[in-house]
Amino acid sequence: MTAVDAVRAATTGAQYVGKQFFSAQADGCLASTAVAAREQVIMCGTEAHVCVQQTALDLRRAGKQVFIVAEAARPRDTANRDLAFARTR
């Protein structure tokens, strides 16, 4: 079982979206999801220093309270992850 298969198995019923830009918020793909109606958003993902960070910053600009699950946000290296998390605090 791949990591993607494991995530999908653990999130049965979840809505998945594709994106073309670093930020899922800027891409507009979150507009038709539960994120649009929520004040608080819990995030995880890959490229913590790019995609996760940009989405979190854009969600904050949109008035959302954002929580990143550090153990579920994978960076290319720890230094980049730490800088991204510091910036999104």
N, C-alpha and C. Protein backbone atom coordinates (compact mmCIF):
# COMPACT_ATOMS: atom_id res chain seq x y z
N MET A 1 0.86 -1.18 0.00
CA MET A 1 0.00 0.00 0.00
C MET A 1 0.90 1.24 0.00
N THR A 2 0.62 2.15 -0.91
CA THR A 2 1.38 3.40 -0.96
C THR A 2 0.91 4.36 0.11
N ALA A 3 1.67 5.42 0.34
CA ALA A 3 1.28 6.44 1.31
C ALA A 3 -0.04 7.09 0.89
N VAL A 4 -0.21 7.33 -0.40
CA VAL A 4 -1.45 7.94 -0.89
C VAL A 4 -2.63 7.00 -0.63
N ASP A 5 -2.43 5.71 -0.86
CA ASP A 5 -3.49 4.74 -0.59
C ASP A 5 -3.86 4.74 0.89
N ALA A 6 -2.87 4.84 1.76
CA ALA A 6 -3.11 4.85 3.20
C ALA A 6 -3.91 6.08 3.62
N VAL A 7 -3.56 7.23 3.05
CA VAL A 7 -4.29 8.46 3.37
C VAL A 7 -5.73 8.36 2.89
N ARG A 8 -5.92 7.91 1.68
CA ARG A 8 -7.28 7.77 1.15
C ARG A 8 -8.11 6.77 1.97
N ALA A 9 -7.49 5.69 2.42
CA ALA A 9 -8.21 4.71 3.25
C ALA A 9 -8.59 5.31 4.60
N ALA A 10 -7.76 6.18 5.12
CA ALA A 10 -8.02 6.80 6.43
C ALA A 10 -8.99 7.97 6.35
N THR A 11 -9.26 8.43 5.14
CA THR A 11 -10.13 9.61 4.97
C THR A 11 -11.31 9.29 4.05
N THR A 12 -11.90 8.15 4.25
CA THR A 12 -13.04 7.74 3.45
C THR A 12 -14.13 8.82 3.49
N GLY A 13 -14.63 9.17 2.34
CA GLY A 13 -15.68 10.19 2.26
C GLY A 13 -15.15 11.60 2.09
N ALA A 14 -13.83 11.77 2.17
CA ALA A 14 -13.25 13.11 2.01
C ALA A 14 -13.29 13.53 0.55
N GLN A 15 -13.33 14.83 0.34
CA GLN A 15 -13.30 15.37 -1.02
C GLN A 15 -11.86 15.73 -1.37
N TYR A 16 -11.39 15.28 -2.51
CA TYR A 16 -10.04 15.57 -2.96
C TYR A 16 -10.10 16.55 -4.12
N VAL A 17 -9.13 17.46 -4.17
CA VAL A 17 -9.09 18.44 -5.25
C VAL A 17 -7.69 18.47 -5.84
N GLY A 18 -7.61 18.81 -7.10
CA GLY A 18 -6.32 19.00 -7.75
C GLY A 18 -6.01 20.48 -7.82
N LYS A 19 -4.75 20.81 -7.96
CA LYS A 19 -4.39 22.23 -8.04
C LYS A 19 -3.27 22.42 -9.04
N GLN A 20 -3.14 23.65 -9.53
CA GLN A 20 -2.12 23.99 -10.52
C GLN A 20 -1.09 24.98 -9.98
N PHE A 21 -1.39 25.63 -8.87
CA PHE A 21 -0.50 26.63 -8.29
C PHE A 21 0.00 26.15 -6.94
N PHE A 22 1.00 26.83 -6.38
CA PHE A 22 1.51 26.45 -5.07
C PHE A 22 0.42 26.51 -4.02
N SER A 23 -0.40 27.55 -4.05
CA SER A 23 -1.45 27.72 -3.05
C SER A 23 -2.77 27.16 -3.56
N ALA A 24 -3.34 26.24 -2.79
CA ALA A 24 -4.66 25.71 -3.15
C ALA A 24 -5.73 26.79 -3.02
N GLN A 25 -5.52 27.74 -2.15
CA GLN A 25 -6.48 28.84 -1.99
C GLN A 25 -6.43 29.76 -3.22
N ALA A 26 -5.25 30.10 -3.68
CA ALA A 26 -5.11 30.98 -4.85
C ALA A 26 -5.65 30.30 -6.10
N ASP A 27 -5.55 28.99 -6.15
CA ASP A 27 -6.01 28.23 -7.31
C ASP A 27 -7.54 28.20 -7.39
N GLY A 28 -8.20 28.51 -6.28
CA GLY A 28 -9.66 28.51 -6.27
C GLY A 28 -10.29 27.15 -6.07
N CYS A 29 -9.46 26.12 -5.93
CA CYS A 29 -10.02 24.77 -5.83
C CYS A 29 -10.63 24.46 -4.48
N LEU A 30 -10.47 25.34 -3.48
CA LEU A 30 -11.08 25.10 -2.17
C LEU A 30 -12.46 25.73 -2.06
N ALA A 31 -12.84 26.54 -3.04
CA ALA A 31 -14.11 27.27 -2.99
C ALA A 31 -15.32 26.34 -2.92
N SER A 32 -15.23 25.18 -3.52
CA SER A 32 -16.38 24.26 -3.52
C SER A 32 -16.27 23.17 -2.46
N THR A 33 -15.39 23.39 -1.49
CA THR A 33 -15.19 22.39 -0.43
C THR A 33 -15.68 22.93 0.91
N ALA A 34 -15.62 22.10 1.93
CA ALA A 34 -16.01 22.50 3.29
C ALA A 34 -15.13 23.62 3.82
N VAL A 35 -13.94 23.78 3.28
CA VAL A 35 -13.02 24.84 3.73
C VAL A 35 -13.66 26.22 3.58
N ALA A 36 -14.41 26.40 2.53
CA ALA A 36 -15.03 27.71 2.26
C ALA A 36 -15.98 28.12 3.38
N ALA A 37 -16.63 27.17 4.01
CA ALA A 37 -17.63 27.48 5.05
C ALA A 37 -17.07 27.46 6.46
N ARG A 38 -15.82 27.04 6.61
CA ARG A 38 -15.22 26.90 7.94
C ARG A 38 -14.39 28.12 8.32
N GLU A 39 -14.36 28.40 9.61
CA GLU A 39 -13.50 29.47 10.13
C GLU A 39 -12.12 28.92 10.46
N GLN A 40 -12.06 27.63 10.80
CA GLN A 40 -10.80 26.99 11.16
C GLN A 40 -10.48 25.89 10.16
N VAL A 41 -9.19 25.78 9.81
CA VAL A 41 -8.75 24.80 8.83
C VAL A 41 -7.54 24.07 9.39
N ILE A 42 -7.57 22.75 9.33
CA ILE A 42 -6.42 21.93 9.73
C ILE A 42 -5.75 21.46 8.44
N MET A 43 -4.43 21.67 8.35
CA MET A 43 -3.71 21.37 7.12
C MET A 43 -2.62 20.34 7.33
N CYS A 44 -2.35 19.60 6.26
CA CYS A 44 -1.18 18.74 6.16
C CYS A 44 -0.79 18.74 4.69
N GLY A 45 0.34 18.16 4.34
CA GLY A 45 0.70 18.09 2.93
C GLY A 45 2.18 17.98 2.72
N THR A 46 2.57 17.90 1.45
CA THR A 46 3.97 17.83 1.10
C THR A 46 4.46 19.21 0.68
N GLU A 47 5.76 19.33 0.62
CA GLU A 47 6.40 20.61 0.32
C GLU A 47 5.95 21.68 1.31
N ALA A 48 6.21 21.40 2.59
CA ALA A 48 5.79 22.29 3.67
C ALA A 48 6.27 23.71 3.47
N HIS A 49 7.43 23.87 2.86
CA HIS A 49 8.01 25.21 2.70
C HIS A 49 7.48 25.94 1.46
N VAL A 50 6.66 25.28 0.66
CA VAL A 50 6.10 25.93 -0.53
C VAL A 50 4.57 25.82 -0.51
N CYS A 51 4.05 24.68 -0.88
CA CYS A 51 2.60 24.52 -1.06
C CYS A 51 1.82 24.69 0.25
N VAL A 52 2.26 24.01 1.30
CA VAL A 52 1.55 24.12 2.57
C VAL A 52 1.64 25.56 3.09
N GLN A 53 2.84 26.13 3.04
CA GLN A 53 3.02 27.49 3.53
C GLN A 53 2.18 28.50 2.74
N GLN A 54 2.22 28.44 1.43
CA GLN A 54 1.48 29.39 0.61
C GLN A 54 -0.03 29.27 0.81
N THR A 55 -0.51 28.03 0.92
CA THR A 55 -1.95 27.83 1.15
C THR A 55 -2.33 28.37 2.52
N ALA A 56 -1.51 28.09 3.53
CA ALA A 56 -1.81 28.57 4.89
C ALA A 56 -1.83 30.10 4.93
N LEU A 57 -0.86 30.74 4.31
CA LEU A 57 -0.81 32.21 4.31
C LEU A 57 -2.02 32.78 3.58
N ASP A 58 -2.40 32.19 2.46
CA ASP A 58 -3.57 32.69 1.71
C ASP A 58 -4.87 32.46 2.49
N LEU A 59 -4.97 31.33 3.18
CA LEU A 59 -6.16 31.08 4.00
C LEU A 59 -6.24 32.10 5.13
N ARG A 60 -5.10 32.41 5.74
CA ARG A 60 -5.09 33.43 6.80
C ARG A 60 -5.54 34.78 6.26
N ARG A 61 -5.04 35.15 5.08
CA ARG A 61 -5.47 36.41 4.45
C ARG A 61 -6.96 36.43 4.19
N ALA A 62 -7.54 35.24 4.00
CA ALA A 62 -8.97 35.12 3.75
C ALA A 62 -9.77 35.08 5.05
N GLY A 63 -9.08 35.25 6.18
CA GLY A 63 -9.77 35.31 7.47
C GLY A 63 -9.90 33.98 8.20
N LYS A 64 -9.24 32.95 7.72
CA LYS A 64 -9.33 31.63 8.35
C LYS A 64 -8.29 31.50 9.46
N GLN A 65 -8.61 30.70 10.47
CA GLN A 65 -7.65 30.32 11.48
C GLN A 65 -7.06 28.99 11.02
N VAL A 66 -5.74 28.93 10.84
CA VAL A 66 -5.09 27.78 10.22
C VAL A 66 -4.21 27.04 11.22
N PHE A 67 -4.34 25.73 11.21
CA PHE A 67 -3.50 24.85 12.04
C PHE A 67 -2.80 23.87 11.11
N ILE A 68 -1.48 23.80 11.20
CA ILE A 68 -0.71 22.86 10.39
C ILE A 68 -0.27 21.71 11.28
N VAL A 69 -0.56 20.49 10.88
CA VAL A 69 -0.11 19.31 11.62
C VAL A 69 1.34 19.07 11.20
N ALA A 70 2.26 19.45 12.07
CA ALA A 70 3.69 19.41 11.72
C ALA A 70 4.15 18.01 11.33
N GLU A 71 3.66 17.01 12.02
CA GLU A 71 4.07 15.63 11.72
C GLU A 71 3.52 15.14 10.38
N ALA A 72 2.58 15.87 9.81
CA ALA A 72 1.97 15.46 8.55
C ALA A 72 2.22 16.47 7.44
N ALA A 73 3.24 17.30 7.62
CA ALA A 73 3.62 18.28 6.60
C ALA A 73 5.08 18.02 6.26
N ARG A 74 5.30 17.38 5.15
CA ARG A 74 6.63 16.92 4.80
C ARG A 74 7.40 17.98 4.03
N PRO A 75 8.63 18.27 4.47
CA PRO A 75 9.50 19.21 3.76
C PRO A 75 10.56 18.46 2.95
N ARG A 76 11.27 19.19 2.12
CA ARG A 76 12.46 18.60 1.49
C ARG A 76 13.56 18.46 2.52
N ASP A 77 13.66 19.43 3.40
CA ASP A 77 14.60 19.31 4.51
C ASP A 77 14.05 20.05 5.72
N THR A 78 14.55 19.70 6.88
CA THR A 78 14.01 20.22 8.14
C THR A 78 14.15 21.73 8.26
N ALA A 79 15.24 22.29 7.78
CA ALA A 79 15.44 23.74 7.89
C ALA A 79 14.35 24.50 7.14
N ASN A 80 14.02 24.05 5.93
CA ASN A 80 12.96 24.70 5.16
C ASN A 80 11.62 24.58 5.86
N ARG A 81 11.33 23.41 6.43
CA ARG A 81 10.08 23.22 7.15
C ARG A 81 10.00 24.17 8.34
N ASP A 82 11.06 24.25 9.11
CA ASP A 82 11.07 25.10 10.30
C ASP A 82 10.86 26.57 9.93
N LEU A 83 11.49 27.02 8.86
CA LEU A 83 11.29 28.40 8.40
C LEU A 83 9.86 28.64 7.95
N ALA A 84 9.29 27.68 7.24
CA ALA A 84 7.91 27.81 6.77
C ALA A 84 6.94 27.87 7.94
N PHE A 85 7.14 27.00 8.93
CA PHE A 85 6.26 26.99 10.08
C PHE A 85 6.37 28.30 10.87
N ALA A 86 7.58 28.81 10.99
CA ALA A 86 7.77 30.09 11.70
C ALA A 86 7.04 31.21 10.96
N ARG A 87 7.09 31.20 9.65
CA ARG A 87 6.44 32.25 8.86
C ARG A 87 4.92 32.18 8.96
N THR A 88 4.37 30.99 9.11
CA THR A 88 2.92 30.86 9.14
C THR A 88 2.33 31.03 10.54
N ARG A 89 3.18 31.21 11.53
CA ARG A 89 2.66 31.41 12.91
C ARG A 89 2.09 32.79 13.08
